Amino acid sequence: MSIATERTFAPPGPGTWFLDPTHFTRPVTRFHAEIFIEEMHRGFGESLRRYGSLLERLDWAFVNGFCYYHPQPLGAPPDATDHPPREVWERLAADHPEIRTRLATSATVFERKLWREDLRRWDEEVRPGLQRERRELQQVEPGLLDTGSLLAYLDRCREHQRRAGYLHHLFNMPALLPMGDLIAHCQEWTGRTTGEILAPLAGSSPDPLADREELAELAAAVAADPRASELLASPARPQELLAALGAVAGRTSTALAEYLETAGWRPVNGEDVGDPCVAELPAVVLAAIRSAVSSSTRPQADAPADQRADAAADLRDAVPAPHRSHFDELLAEARLVSRLRDERGSCADLPAIGLTRRAILAAGRRLTEQGRIHAPAHLAEAGYAELRDLVRTGSGPDAAELAARAHYRDHARYADAPPMLGPPPGDPLPPEWLPPAAARLERALGAVVLAMFSNPAARTEGRTVHGLGASPGVYEGTARVISGVPEFDRIQPGDVLVTGATTTAFNIVLPLLGAIVTDRGGALSHAAIVAREFAIPGVVGCTDATAVIPDGAWVRVDGRAGEAAVVR
């Protein structure tokens, strides 16, 4: 029995609850769960209301640290698993003021292209404001503060994290609705898979971590400096090698400092204060630099751009002629907002989470030196109130309890968490019962939620696993089964990455890969998006790829068919 299945998984409330396969790679800390739930509810709820959706909110809860969600339609009781009869729904819609308001709102969304207004606000106000806040917080060195000042600084970081999380989810609808609209229409017109429909979006989100310029500058500086290049090729320990690179006079040291300032305090294996950041993992930093240097010294091909153009032309040809001008408009709008999906993380909550972790580690080092906890990172396992008490007075969970929480999060697996809790789900409200604009909005929202959260049932046949075709193409290479960041150094150029799910950490090694295969994730998961951006075959949501495909096996990945087969 696994460490996760030793615990009871019960529904956290009435209705049907679905396991979230997208946001987290392992169970969540108490500290992060307290922030995530409140700000997700608030931000996404406001976003749904602004666009006139009949989904009131997604309720979220953590069961044994695993994230579950429950869709809550407007006007429906929490324990409802099916829609009411049509005559009951029509009476409810006529008598419910909020439903009437939302139907009126949804009637204007597509005509106004409301997401354009929100994208401008993001670019001109929200993103610059978050970046200013981050820079101000990053200028403080928490290790130099006294206890009272450190707790005050931690409060500031936590409030910044709360605000960033809220803003991330406030922009859910503008980031996702145009993509859902494209998916829903193209599925009706062409019958193509979601991966094929999204393939033409590649290139519209070229910098998922918002650090490409800094990394490119660092790679150029290293490549132009014989001493830096010699150091990068040396077998020295990562921490010592980074220190030596930072001491190289001139452009290299400056570029390294700028890169670490931009990317250093960002989680690399999830979205939680319990996950390590780039600055804590010098081997990961070196992998990024070496990969960037290698890429910058290779001739750049036009194949990815050509593949994107071919994918768009192929999809357009499959659309019936009377709908092609509408297709062109839908594709243009989806391309316009596509980058917002990643920027909500890279410019909002990911750096905010990293700064909060930096403050927690500063406090954790003091408690470790005092013998109160076993390791600085264990303080991230405390809830917010517990953490403050531990720092102020030493009261709260003891070292053994925090170590046990860390051990559980390190070893519990998503594969052992039930995919659904509660009664089976019923059918959603039929779109044909709604006015045309409202029906279009709900179809689009349903399509994008399915693309993000769906995980197909296991369909393994012998040594072939099946999932969702996320990025087209066929590739054969060596399978590299990776469970986490510490194993990145095993990845060789041309390998096929086989893993549970990718997170921002994997962006570092993506230029080395020939294909990606994951156990979890939908067509809008991180793995699917980056496979399209790098124009490599990708198959996601295979359920059991890491169990079926041996490390080192020669595999054939077909991103269009959505399968990966062990050849030898």
Protein backbone atom coordinates (compact mmCIF):
# COMPACT_ATOMS: atom_id res chain seq x y z
CA MET A 1 0.00 0.00 0.00
CA SER A 2 1.36 3.44 -0.93
CA ILE A 3 1.86 6.30 1.48
CA ALA A 4 -1.13 8.12 -0.06
CA THR A 5 -3.59 5.21 -0.08
CA GLU A 6 -2.91 4.55 3.60
CA ARG A 7 -5.11 7.60 4.19
CA THR A 8 -8.86 7.95 3.75
CA PHE A 9 -10.08 9.90 0.72
CA ALA A 10 -13.57 11.24 1.43
CA PRO A 11 -15.48 13.91 -0.51
CA PRO A 12 -14.76 17.31 1.09
CA GLY A 13 -18.34 18.44 0.51
CA PRO A 14 -21.58 17.56 -1.31
CA GLY A 15 -21.56 16.79 -5.02
CA THR A 16 -18.89 15.35 -7.30
CA TRP A 17 -15.22 16.29 -6.80
CA PHE A 18 -12.57 15.79 -9.48
CA LEU A 19 -8.83 15.43 -8.95
CA ASP A 20 -6.92 18.38 -10.44
CA PRO A 21 -4.16 16.84 -12.62
CA THR A 22 -2.72 20.17 -13.74
CA HIS A 23 -1.68 22.63 -11.04
CA PHE A 24 0.43 20.54 -8.68
CA THR A 25 2.96 17.73 -8.98
CA ARG A 26 2.58 16.47 -5.40
CA PRO A 27 0.51 17.15 -2.26
CA VAL A 28 0.31 20.81 -1.25
CA THR A 29 1.62 22.46 1.91
CA ARG A 30 -0.81 23.88 4.45
CA PHE A 31 0.65 27.36 3.91
CA HIS A 32 -0.04 27.32 0.19
CA ALA A 33 -3.44 25.62 0.45
CA GLU A 34 -4.70 28.43 2.70
CA ILE A 35 -3.86 31.01 0.04
CA PHE A 36 -4.76 29.05 -3.09
CA ILE A 37 -8.33 28.20 -2.18
CA GLU A 38 -9.38 31.69 -1.09
CA GLU A 39 -7.76 33.53 -3.99
CA MET A 40 -8.85 30.98 -6.62
CA HIS A 41 -12.47 31.29 -5.44
CA ARG A 42 -12.33 35.08 -5.39
CA GLY A 43 -10.43 35.68 -8.63
CA PHE A 44 -12.05 33.03 -10.81
CA GLY A 45 -15.50 33.85 -9.42
CA GLU A 46 -15.11 37.50 -10.43
CA SER A 47 -13.79 36.48 -13.85
CA LEU A 48 -16.78 34.20 -14.48
CA ARG A 49 -19.17 36.94 -13.42
CA ARG A 50 -17.48 39.52 -15.66
CA TYR A 51 -17.95 37.29 -18.70
CA GLY A 52 -21.49 36.21 -17.84
CA SER A 53 -20.83 32.51 -17.31
CA LEU A 54 -23.52 30.43 -15.64
CA LEU A 55 -20.78 28.65 -13.71
CA GLU A 56 -20.78 30.45 -10.37
CA ARG A 57 -17.38 29.13 -9.32
CA LEU A 58 -15.14 26.11 -9.03
CA ASP A 59 -15.04 25.00 -5.41
CA TRP A 60 -11.60 23.73 -4.42
CA ALA A 61 -10.46 21.59 -1.52
CA PHE A 62 -7.37 19.64 -0.54
CA VAL A 63 -7.81 16.03 0.55
CA ASN A 64 -4.64 14.62 2.11
CA GLY A 65 -2.86 17.44 0.30
CA PHE A 66 -4.24 16.52 -3.14
CA CYS A 67 -6.26 19.14 -4.99
CA TYR A 68 -9.90 18.47 -5.90
CA TYR A 69 -12.46 20.74 -7.54
CA HIS A 70 -16.26 20.82 -7.75
CA PRO A 71 -18.07 22.86 -10.45
CA GLN A 72 -20.86 24.91 -8.87
CA PRO A 73 -23.44 26.14 -11.43
CA LEU A 74 -25.32 29.32 -10.62
CA GLY A 75 -28.61 28.62 -8.88
CA ALA A 76 -27.94 24.88 -8.38
CA PRO A 77 -27.77 23.26 -4.92
CA PRO A 78 -24.23 22.14 -3.95
CA ASP A 79 -25.19 18.46 -3.99
CA ALA A 80 -26.76 18.53 -7.46
CA THR A 81 -25.22 16.07 -9.92
CA ASP A 82 -27.50 16.80 -12.87
CA HIS A 83 -29.36 19.71 -14.38
CA PRO A 84 -33.09 20.20 -13.63
CA PRO A 85 -35.79 19.52 -16.22
CA ARG A 86 -36.08 22.20 -18.89
CA GLU A 87 -39.27 23.76 -17.55
CA VAL A 88 -37.72 24.03 -14.09
CA TRP A 89 -34.58 25.60 -15.53
CA GLU A 90 -36.61 28.14 -17.56
CA ARG A 91 -38.55 29.21 -14.45
CA LEU A 92 -35.30 29.48 -12.49
CA ALA A 93 -33.68 31.58 -15.24
CA ALA A 94 -36.69 33.90 -15.34
CA ASP A 95 -36.88 34.37 -11.56
CA HIS A 96 -33.17 34.46 -10.66
CA PRO A 97 -31.78 38.04 -10.92
CA GLU A 98 -28.13 36.96 -11.20
CA ILE A 99 -28.88 34.45 -13.97
CA ARG A 100 -30.74 37.18 -15.92
CA THR A 101 -27.78 39.53 -15.44
CA ARG A 102 -25.26 36.98 -16.62
CA LEU A 103 -27.26 36.03 -19.69
CA ALA A 104 -27.40 39.73 -20.61
CA THR A 105 -23.65 40.05 -20.04
CA SER A 106 -22.76 37.01 -22.14
CA ALA A 107 -24.75 38.47 -25.03
CA THR A 108 -22.11 41.22 -25.41
CA VAL A 109 -18.85 39.34 -24.75
CA PHE A 110 -18.04 38.07 -28.23
CA GLU A 111 -19.17 41.23 -30.01
CA ARG A 112 -17.01 43.39 -27.72
CA LYS A 113 -14.14 40.91 -27.68
CA LEU A 114 -13.97 41.61 -23.97
CA TRP A 115 -10.68 39.72 -23.61
CA ARG A 116 -8.91 42.45 -25.58
CA GLU A 117 -9.83 45.02 -22.93
CA ASP A 118 -8.52 42.71 -20.23
CA LEU A 119 -5.31 41.96 -22.12
CA ARG A 120 -4.61 45.70 -22.41
CA ARG A 121 -5.23 46.11 -18.68
CA TRP A 122 -2.85 43.22 -17.97
CA ASP A 123 -0.12 44.69 -20.14
CA GLU A 124 -0.47 48.31 -19.06
CA GLU A 125 -1.43 48.06 -15.38
CA VAL A 126 -1.43 44.66 -13.75
CA ARG A 127 1.81 43.08 -14.95
CA PRO A 128 3.93 46.25 -14.44
CA GLY A 129 2.43 46.68 -10.97
CA LEU A 130 3.28 43.12 -9.99
CA GLN A 131 6.80 43.50 -11.31
CA ARG A 132 7.32 46.68 -9.26
CA GLU A 133 6.10 44.95 -6.11
CA ARG A 134 8.38 41.98 -6.78
CA ARG A 135 11.44 44.15 -7.30
CA GLU A 136 10.79 46.04 -4.06
CA LEU A 137 10.47 42.80 -2.08
CA GLN A 138 13.48 41.24 -3.76
CA GLN A 139 15.72 44.13 -2.70
CA VAL A 140 15.27 43.10 0.94
CA GLU A 141 17.67 40.47 2.28
CA PRO A 142 15.53 38.57 4.81
CA GLY A 143 18.53 36.88 6.44
CA LEU A 144 19.72 40.26 7.76
CA LEU A 145 16.45 41.15 9.52
CA ASP A 146 15.71 40.74 13.21
CA THR A 147 12.85 38.45 14.20
CA GLY A 148 10.15 41.12 14.29
CA SER A 149 11.23 42.63 10.99
CA LEU A 150 11.50 39.20 9.40
CA LEU A 151 7.93 38.34 10.37
CA ALA A 152 6.75 41.70 9.02
CA TYR A 153 8.59 41.02 5.77
CA LEU A 154 7.08 37.54 5.59
CA ASP A 155 3.64 39.14 5.97
CA ARG A 156 4.41 41.46 3.06
CA CYS A 157 5.52 38.53 0.91
CA ARG A 158 2.44 36.55 1.82
CA GLU A 159 0.15 39.46 0.94
CA HIS A 160 1.96 39.86 -2.38
CA GLN A 161 1.47 36.13 -2.99
CA ARG A 162 -2.23 36.44 -2.18
CA ARG A 163 -2.63 39.37 -4.55
CA ALA A 164 -0.69 37.61 -7.30
CA GLY A 165 -2.81 34.47 -6.94
CA TYR A 166 -6.00 36.50 -7.05
CA LEU A 167 -4.88 38.34 -10.19
CA HIS A 168 -3.80 35.10 -11.85
CA HIS A 169 -7.32 33.73 -11.56
CA LEU A 170 -9.02 37.07 -12.24
CA PHE A 171 -7.62 36.76 -15.77
CA ASN A 172 -8.66 33.13 -16.28
CA MET A 173 -11.48 33.92 -18.68
CA PRO A 174 -9.60 36.29 -21.02
CA ALA A 175 -6.66 33.87 -21.07
CA LEU A 176 -8.74 30.79 -21.84
CA LEU A 177 -12.09 31.68 -23.41
CA PRO A 178 -10.82 32.47 -26.94
CA MET A 179 -8.90 29.18 -26.99
CA GLY A 180 -12.00 27.32 -25.85
CA ASP A 181 -14.05 29.08 -28.53
CA LEU A 182 -11.56 27.94 -31.18
CA ILE A 183 -11.62 24.37 -29.87
CA ALA A 184 -15.42 24.15 -29.69
CA HIS A 185 -15.99 25.52 -33.20
CA CYS A 186 -13.24 23.47 -34.84
CA GLN A 187 -14.39 20.27 -33.20
CA GLU A 188 -17.85 20.89 -34.67
CA TRP A 189 -16.50 21.83 -38.10
CA THR A 190 -13.68 19.32 -38.49
CA GLY A 191 -13.85 16.58 -35.85
CA ARG A 192 -10.12 17.11 -35.26
CA THR A 193 -8.53 16.37 -31.88
CA THR A 194 -7.87 19.17 -29.41
CA GLY A 195 -4.12 18.80 -29.94
CA GLU A 196 -4.50 19.26 -33.71
CA ILE A 197 -6.72 22.30 -33.20
CA LEU A 198 -4.25 23.93 -30.82
CA ALA A 199 -1.15 23.17 -32.91
CA PRO A 200 -1.39 26.47 -34.87
CA LEU A 201 -1.09 28.38 -31.57
CA ALA A 202 2.57 27.39 -31.25
CA GLY A 203 4.75 30.48 -31.23
CA SER A 204 2.12 32.71 -29.66
CA SER A 205 3.56 32.14 -26.18
CA PRO A 206 7.31 32.07 -26.92
CA ASP A 207 8.63 32.73 -23.41
CA PRO A 208 6.68 30.71 -20.83
CA LEU A 209 9.01 31.74 -17.99
CA ALA A 210 9.61 35.37 -19.01
CA ASP A 211 13.38 34.93 -18.73
CA ARG A 212 14.40 34.10 -22.30
CA GLU A 213 16.13 37.43 -22.91
CA GLU A 214 18.19 37.20 -19.72
CA LEU A 215 19.18 33.60 -20.42
CA ALA A 216 20.07 34.40 -24.02
CA GLU A 217 22.25 37.30 -22.87
CA LEU A 218 23.99 35.04 -20.34
CA ALA A 219 24.58 32.34 -22.97
CA ALA A 220 26.05 34.89 -25.37
CA ALA A 221 28.34 36.26 -22.65
CA VAL A 222 29.62 32.78 -21.74
CA ALA A 223 30.13 31.79 -25.38
CA ALA A 224 32.14 34.95 -26.04
CA ASP A 225 34.39 34.55 -22.98
CA PRO A 226 37.03 31.78 -23.20
CA ARG A 227 37.45 31.68 -19.42
CA ALA A 228 33.71 31.37 -18.81
CA SER A 229 33.39 28.69 -21.50
CA GLU A 230 36.23 26.75 -19.92
CA LEU A 231 34.56 26.94 -16.51
CA LEU A 232 31.19 25.83 -17.89
CA ALA A 233 32.82 22.71 -19.35
CA SER A 234 34.61 21.83 -16.14
CA PRO A 235 33.49 18.98 -13.81
CA ALA A 236 33.51 21.22 -10.71
CA ARG A 237 30.68 20.97 -8.21
CA PRO A 238 27.67 23.07 -9.34
CA GLN A 239 27.75 25.48 -6.39
CA GLU A 240 31.48 26.09 -6.82
CA LEU A 241 31.16 26.45 -10.58
CA LEU A 242 28.38 29.05 -10.29
CA ALA A 243 30.45 31.00 -7.80
CA ALA A 244 33.39 30.92 -10.21
CA LEU A 245 31.22 32.11 -13.11
CA GLY A 246 29.92 34.91 -10.92
CA ALA A 247 33.50 36.00 -10.26
CA VAL A 248 34.45 36.22 -13.94
CA ALA A 249 35.05 39.87 -14.65
CA GLY A 250 32.88 41.72 -17.13
CA ARG A 251 29.79 40.69 -19.04
CA THR A 252 29.45 37.11 -17.74
CA SER A 253 29.12 37.97 -14.05
CA THR A 254 26.68 40.80 -14.80
CA ALA A 255 24.52 38.60 -17.04
CA LEU A 256 24.52 35.79 -14.47
CA ALA A 257 23.38 38.18 -11.74
CA GLU A 258 20.59 39.52 -13.96
CA TYR A 259 19.42 36.03 -14.88
CA LEU A 260 19.33 34.91 -11.25
CA GLU A 261 17.47 38.08 -10.25
CA THR A 262 14.82 37.31 -12.87
CA ALA A 263 14.55 33.53 -12.52
CA GLY A 264 16.28 32.68 -9.24
CA TRP A 265 13.30 32.80 -6.92
CA ARG A 266 10.79 30.87 -8.94
CA PRO A 267 9.64 27.33 -8.07
CA VAL A 268 11.01 24.73 -10.46
CA ASN A 269 8.91 21.69 -9.65
CA GLY A 270 5.44 22.97 -8.87
CA GLU A 271 3.49 25.97 -7.63
CA ASP A 272 3.96 25.84 -3.87
CA VAL A 273 6.19 27.36 -1.17
CA GLY A 274 7.21 23.79 -0.39
CA ASP A 275 8.89 23.41 -3.79
CA PRO A 276 12.55 24.41 -4.34
CA CYS A 277 13.41 27.45 -6.44
CA VAL A 278 16.00 27.91 -9.16
CA ALA A 279 18.46 29.65 -6.81
CA GLU A 280 18.48 26.60 -4.53
CA LEU A 281 19.45 24.22 -7.33
CA PRO A 282 22.77 25.22 -8.90
CA ALA A 283 22.79 22.08 -11.06
CA VAL A 284 19.52 23.24 -12.65
CA VAL A 285 20.97 26.70 -13.31
CA LEU A 286 24.00 25.16 -14.99
CA ALA A 287 21.77 22.90 -17.09
CA ALA A 288 19.89 25.97 -18.28
CA ILE A 289 23.08 27.83 -19.15
CA ARG A 290 24.64 24.85 -20.94
CA SER A 291 21.43 24.21 -22.88
CA ALA A 292 21.19 27.88 -23.88
CA VAL A 293 24.85 28.02 -24.95
CA SER A 294 24.41 24.85 -27.00
CA SER A 295 21.27 26.24 -28.65
CA SER A 296 22.89 29.59 -29.40
CA THR A 297 25.83 27.96 -31.17
CA ARG A 298 23.63 25.79 -33.42
CA PRO A 299 22.20 27.13 -36.72
CA GLN A 300 18.59 28.13 -36.22
CA ALA A 301 16.11 26.34 -38.45
CA ASP A 302 12.79 27.61 -39.72
CA ALA A 303 11.13 24.23 -39.16
CA PRO A 304 9.03 25.23 -36.10
CA ALA A 305 7.60 28.28 -37.91
CA ASP A 306 6.99 26.18 -41.03
CA GLN A 307 5.26 23.49 -38.96
CA ARG A 308 3.00 26.11 -37.34
CA ALA A 309 2.06 27.51 -40.73
CA ASP A 310 1.44 24.01 -42.10
CA ALA A 311 -0.72 23.11 -39.08
CA ALA A 312 -2.83 26.25 -39.52
CA ALA A 313 -3.23 25.71 -43.26
CA ASP A 314 -4.12 22.04 -42.79
CA LEU A 315 -6.73 22.86 -40.14
CA ARG A 316 -8.18 25.69 -42.24
CA ASP A 317 -8.54 23.36 -45.23
CA ALA A 318 -10.58 20.99 -43.06
CA VAL A 319 -13.02 23.76 -42.14
CA PRO A 320 -16.02 24.00 -44.51
CA ALA A 321 -15.54 26.95 -46.89
CA PRO A 322 -18.45 29.05 -45.55
CA HIS A 323 -16.84 29.05 -42.07
CA ARG A 324 -13.23 29.82 -43.01
CA SER A 325 -13.38 33.57 -42.42
CA HIS A 326 -14.85 32.86 -38.98
CA PHE A 327 -12.05 30.34 -38.38
CA ASP A 328 -9.46 32.99 -39.27
CA GLU A 329 -10.98 35.34 -36.70
CA LEU A 330 -11.14 32.67 -33.99
CA LEU A 331 -7.51 31.64 -34.58
CA ALA A 332 -6.33 35.26 -34.50
CA GLU A 333 -8.05 35.93 -31.18
CA ALA A 334 -6.74 32.71 -29.62
CA ARG A 335 -3.22 33.58 -30.74
CA LEU A 336 -3.59 37.09 -29.33
CA VAL A 337 -4.35 35.94 -25.77
CA SER A 338 -2.39 32.68 -25.74
CA ARG A 339 0.61 34.19 -23.94
CA LEU A 340 -1.64 35.32 -21.09
CA ARG A 341 -2.04 31.71 -19.98
CA ASP A 342 1.67 31.46 -19.13
CA GLU A 343 2.24 35.08 -18.12
CA ARG A 344 -0.31 34.79 -15.30
CA GLY A 345 2.14 32.34 -13.74
CA SER A 346 5.53 33.65 -14.79
CA CYS A 347 4.74 37.28 -13.94
CA ALA A 348 2.29 36.78 -11.06
CA ASP A 349 2.12 33.91 -8.62
CA LEU A 350 5.28 31.92 -9.42
CA PRO A 351 7.76 34.70 -8.50
CA ALA A 352 5.51 35.67 -5.59
CA ILE A 353 5.60 32.10 -4.26
CA GLY A 354 9.39 32.08 -4.61
CA LEU A 355 9.81 35.30 -2.63
CA THR A 356 7.62 33.95 0.16
CA ARG A 357 9.70 30.78 0.21
CA ARG A 358 12.88 32.86 0.42
CA ALA A 359 11.54 34.52 3.59
CA ILE A 360 10.44 31.17 5.03
CA LEU A 361 13.89 29.67 4.43
CA ALA A 362 15.55 32.61 6.17
CA ALA A 363 13.41 31.93 9.24
CA GLY A 364 13.91 28.18 8.84
CA ARG A 365 17.69 28.53 8.94
CA ARG A 366 17.45 30.26 12.32
CA LEU A 367 15.18 27.56 13.72
CA THR A 368 17.50 24.87 12.37
CA GLU A 369 20.52 26.51 14.02
CA GLN A 370 18.55 26.59 17.27
CA GLY A 371 17.76 22.87 16.94
CA ARG A 372 14.00 23.43 16.73
CA ILE A 373 13.56 21.90 13.25
CA HIS A 374 15.64 19.44 11.23
CA ALA A 375 16.03 21.48 8.00
CA PRO A 376 15.19 25.05 6.90
CA ALA A 377 12.80 23.82 4.18
CA HIS A 378 10.72 21.95 6.78
CA LEU A 379 9.34 25.29 7.99
CA ALA A 380 7.42 25.49 4.70
CA GLU A 381 5.37 22.52 5.93
CA ALA A 382 3.77 24.70 8.65
CA GLY A 383 0.54 26.61 8.19
CA TYR A 384 0.75 30.39 8.37
CA ALA A 385 -0.30 30.70 12.02
CA GLU A 386 1.91 27.73 12.98
CA LEU A 387 4.87 29.30 11.20
CA ARG A 388 4.52 32.63 12.95
CA ASP A 389 4.26 30.94 16.35
CA LEU A 390 7.32 28.81 15.64
CA VAL A 391 9.40 31.87 14.72
CA ARG A 392 8.14 34.08 17.57
CA THR A 393 7.98 31.64 20.48
CA GLY A 394 9.02 28.19 19.27
CA SER A 395 5.55 26.80 19.97
CA GLY A 396 3.64 24.73 17.44
CA PRO A 397 4.42 21.51 15.56
CA ASP A 398 7.73 19.99 16.59
CA ALA A 399 10.61 18.98 14.34
CA ALA A 400 9.39 15.39 14.00
CA GLU A 401 5.92 16.49 12.90
CA LEU A 402 7.25 18.87 10.24
CA ALA A 403 9.69 16.22 9.01
CA ALA A 404 6.81 13.73 8.72
CA ARG A 405 4.79 16.21 6.68
CA ALA A 406 7.75 16.74 4.34
CA HIS A 407 8.25 12.98 4.00
CA TYR A 408 4.61 12.48 3.08
CA ARG A 409 4.70 15.18 0.41
CA ASP A 410 7.92 13.76 -1.02
CA HIS A 411 6.56 10.24 -1.36
CA ALA A 412 2.78 10.46 -1.93
CA ARG A 413 1.93 10.04 -5.61
CA TYR A 414 -0.89 11.49 -7.68
CA ALA A 415 -1.38 8.06 -9.22
CA ASP A 416 -2.60 6.85 -5.81
CA ALA A 417 -5.22 9.59 -5.35
CA PRO A 418 -8.74 8.69 -6.57
CA PRO A 419 -9.62 10.61 -9.74
CA MET A 420 -13.10 11.38 -8.41
CA LEU A 421 -14.77 11.63 -5.00
CA GLY A 422 -18.51 11.57 -4.40
CA PRO A 423 -21.34 10.44 -6.68
CA PRO A 424 -20.87 10.12 -10.44
CA PRO A 425 -21.36 13.43 -12.28
CA GLY A 426 -24.51 14.16 -14.22
CA ASP A 427 -24.91 15.84 -17.58
CA PRO A 428 -24.25 19.58 -17.90
CA LEU A 429 -27.00 22.02 -18.83
CA PRO A 430 -27.74 21.52 -22.57
CA PRO A 431 -26.43 24.57 -24.46
CA GLU A 432 -29.47 24.54 -26.74
CA TRP A 433 -31.57 25.68 -23.78
CA LEU A 434 -29.62 28.95 -23.71
CA PRO A 435 -29.58 32.07 -25.88
CA PRO A 436 -27.00 31.75 -28.70
CA ALA A 437 -24.24 33.88 -27.12
CA ALA A 438 -24.61 32.19 -23.73
CA ALA A 439 -24.56 28.76 -25.36
CA ARG A 440 -21.40 29.70 -27.26
CA LEU A 441 -19.71 30.90 -24.06
CA GLU A 442 -20.59 27.75 -22.11
CA ARG A 443 -19.43 25.48 -24.95
CA ALA A 444 -16.13 27.36 -25.08
CA LEU A 445 -15.65 27.25 -21.32
CA GLY A 446 -16.47 23.54 -21.23
CA ALA A 447 -14.01 22.84 -24.05
CA VAL A 448 -11.14 24.67 -22.38
CA VAL A 449 -11.79 23.13 -18.95
CA LEU A 450 -11.76 19.69 -20.59
CA ALA A 451 -8.50 20.55 -22.39
CA MET A 452 -6.88 21.56 -19.09
CA PHE A 453 -8.18 18.97 -16.65
CA SER A 454 -9.19 15.85 -18.55
CA ASN A 455 -7.17 12.68 -18.15
CA PRO A 456 -8.22 9.71 -20.30
CA ALA A 457 -8.58 6.25 -18.86
CA ALA A 458 -5.57 3.96 -19.20
CA ARG A 459 -5.56 2.27 -22.63
CA THR A 460 -2.26 0.44 -22.57
CA GLU A 461 -1.85 -2.32 -25.12
CA GLY A 462 1.22 -4.43 -24.46
CA ARG A 463 4.13 -2.01 -24.64
CA THR A 464 2.15 0.84 -26.22
CA VAL A 465 0.58 3.59 -24.12
CA HIS A 466 -2.17 5.89 -25.38
CA GLY A 467 -3.03 9.43 -24.36
CA LEU A 468 -3.92 12.76 -25.91
CA GLY A 469 -2.03 13.86 -28.98
CA ALA A 470 -0.78 17.27 -27.82
CA SER A 471 1.75 18.15 -30.53
CA PRO A 472 1.91 16.38 -33.91
CA GLY A 473 4.90 14.60 -35.38
CA VAL A 474 6.64 11.24 -35.14
CA TYR A 475 9.94 10.71 -33.36
CA GLU A 476 12.06 7.77 -32.23
CA GLY A 477 14.64 8.00 -29.46
CA THR A 478 15.80 6.83 -26.06
CA ALA A 479 13.24 7.03 -23.26
CA ARG A 480 14.41 8.92 -20.20
CA VAL A 481 12.03 8.26 -17.30
CA ILE A 482 12.39 11.23 -14.95
CA SER A 483 10.70 11.56 -11.56
CA GLY A 484 11.96 15.04 -10.68
CA VAL A 485 14.55 17.78 -10.86
CA PRO A 486 17.43 15.81 -9.27
CA GLU A 487 17.44 13.49 -12.29
CA PHE A 488 17.77 16.20 -14.93
CA ASP A 489 21.46 15.46 -15.37
CA ARG A 490 20.55 12.09 -16.92
CA ILE A 491 18.86 13.73 -19.92
CA GLN A 492 20.89 13.61 -23.13
CA PRO A 493 20.27 15.45 -26.42
CA GLY A 494 17.56 13.71 -28.43
CA ASP A 495 16.01 11.84 -25.48
CA VAL A 496 12.27 11.25 -25.12
CA LEU A 497 11.18 12.65 -21.77
CA VAL A 498 8.80 10.27 -19.96
CA THR A 499 7.47 11.71 -16.70
CA GLY A 500 4.40 12.10 -14.52
CA ALA A 501 3.75 15.71 -15.51
CA THR A 502 5.97 18.61 -16.51
CA THR A 503 6.27 21.85 -14.61
CA THR A 504 8.20 25.04 -15.18
CA ALA A 505 11.39 23.19 -14.20
CA PHE A 506 11.34 21.21 -17.40
CA ASN A 507 11.67 24.33 -19.56
CA ILE A 508 15.38 24.16 -18.75
CA VAL A 509 15.88 20.85 -20.56
CA LEU A 510 13.31 21.23 -23.33
CA PRO A 511 15.86 22.23 -26.01
CA LEU A 512 17.50 18.83 -25.50
CA LEU A 513 14.37 16.76 -26.06
CA GLY A 514 13.09 14.93 -29.11
CA ALA A 515 9.60 14.27 -27.69
CA ILE A 516 7.55 14.38 -24.47
CA VAL A 517 5.29 11.69 -22.95
CA THR A 518 3.44 12.25 -19.64
CA ASP A 519 1.14 10.32 -17.35
CA ARG A 520 -1.04 13.34 -16.55
CA GLY A 521 -2.31 16.47 -18.26
CA GLY A 522 -4.70 17.66 -20.94
CA ALA A 523 -4.22 19.47 -24.24
CA LEU A 524 -3.65 22.76 -22.37
CA SER A 525 -1.30 21.31 -19.77
CA HIS A 526 2.24 22.65 -19.46
CA ALA A 527 3.69 19.65 -21.31
CA ALA A 528 1.28 20.08 -24.21
CA ILE A 529 1.95 23.79 -24.59
CA VAL A 530 5.73 23.55 -24.48
CA ALA A 531 5.78 20.58 -26.87
CA ARG A 532 3.92 22.75 -29.38
CA GLU A 533 6.19 25.74 -28.72
CA PHE A 534 9.30 23.64 -29.37
CA ALA A 535 7.63 21.84 -32.28
CA ILE A 536 8.36 18.36 -30.91
CA PRO A 537 5.89 15.45 -30.70
CA GLY A 538 3.97 15.32 -27.42
CA VAL A 539 1.56 12.80 -25.91
CA VAL A 540 -0.01 13.67 -22.55
CA GLY A 541 -2.40 12.00 -20.12
CA CYS A 542 -1.18 8.45 -20.79
CA THR A 543 -1.90 7.51 -17.15
CA ASP A 544 0.78 4.81 -16.87
CA ALA A 545 3.61 5.72 -19.25
CA THR A 546 6.19 5.90 -16.45
CA ALA A 547 5.25 2.37 -15.38
CA VAL A 548 5.09 0.82 -18.85
CA ILE A 549 8.04 2.43 -20.64
CA PRO A 550 11.43 1.34 -19.23
CA ASP A 551 14.15 3.91 -18.78
CA GLY A 552 16.62 3.59 -21.66
CA ALA A 553 14.17 1.85 -24.02
CA TRP A 554 13.98 2.89 -27.66
CA VAL A 555 10.49 4.37 -28.17
CA ARG A 556 8.42 5.69 -31.04
CA VAL A 557 6.22 8.70 -30.22
CA ASP A 558 3.35 9.64 -32.52
CA GLY A 559 2.00 13.02 -31.42
CA ARG A 560 -0.89 12.96 -33.87
CA ALA A 561 -2.14 9.50 -32.95
CA GLY A 562 -1.48 10.13 -29.25
CA GLU A 563 0.59 7.04 -28.55
CA ALA A 564 4.09 5.99 -27.52
CA ALA A 565 5.38 2.48 -28.21
CA VAL A 566 8.44 0.63 -26.96
CA VAL A 567 10.30 -0.49 -30.09
CA ARG A 568 13.18 -2.24 -28.39
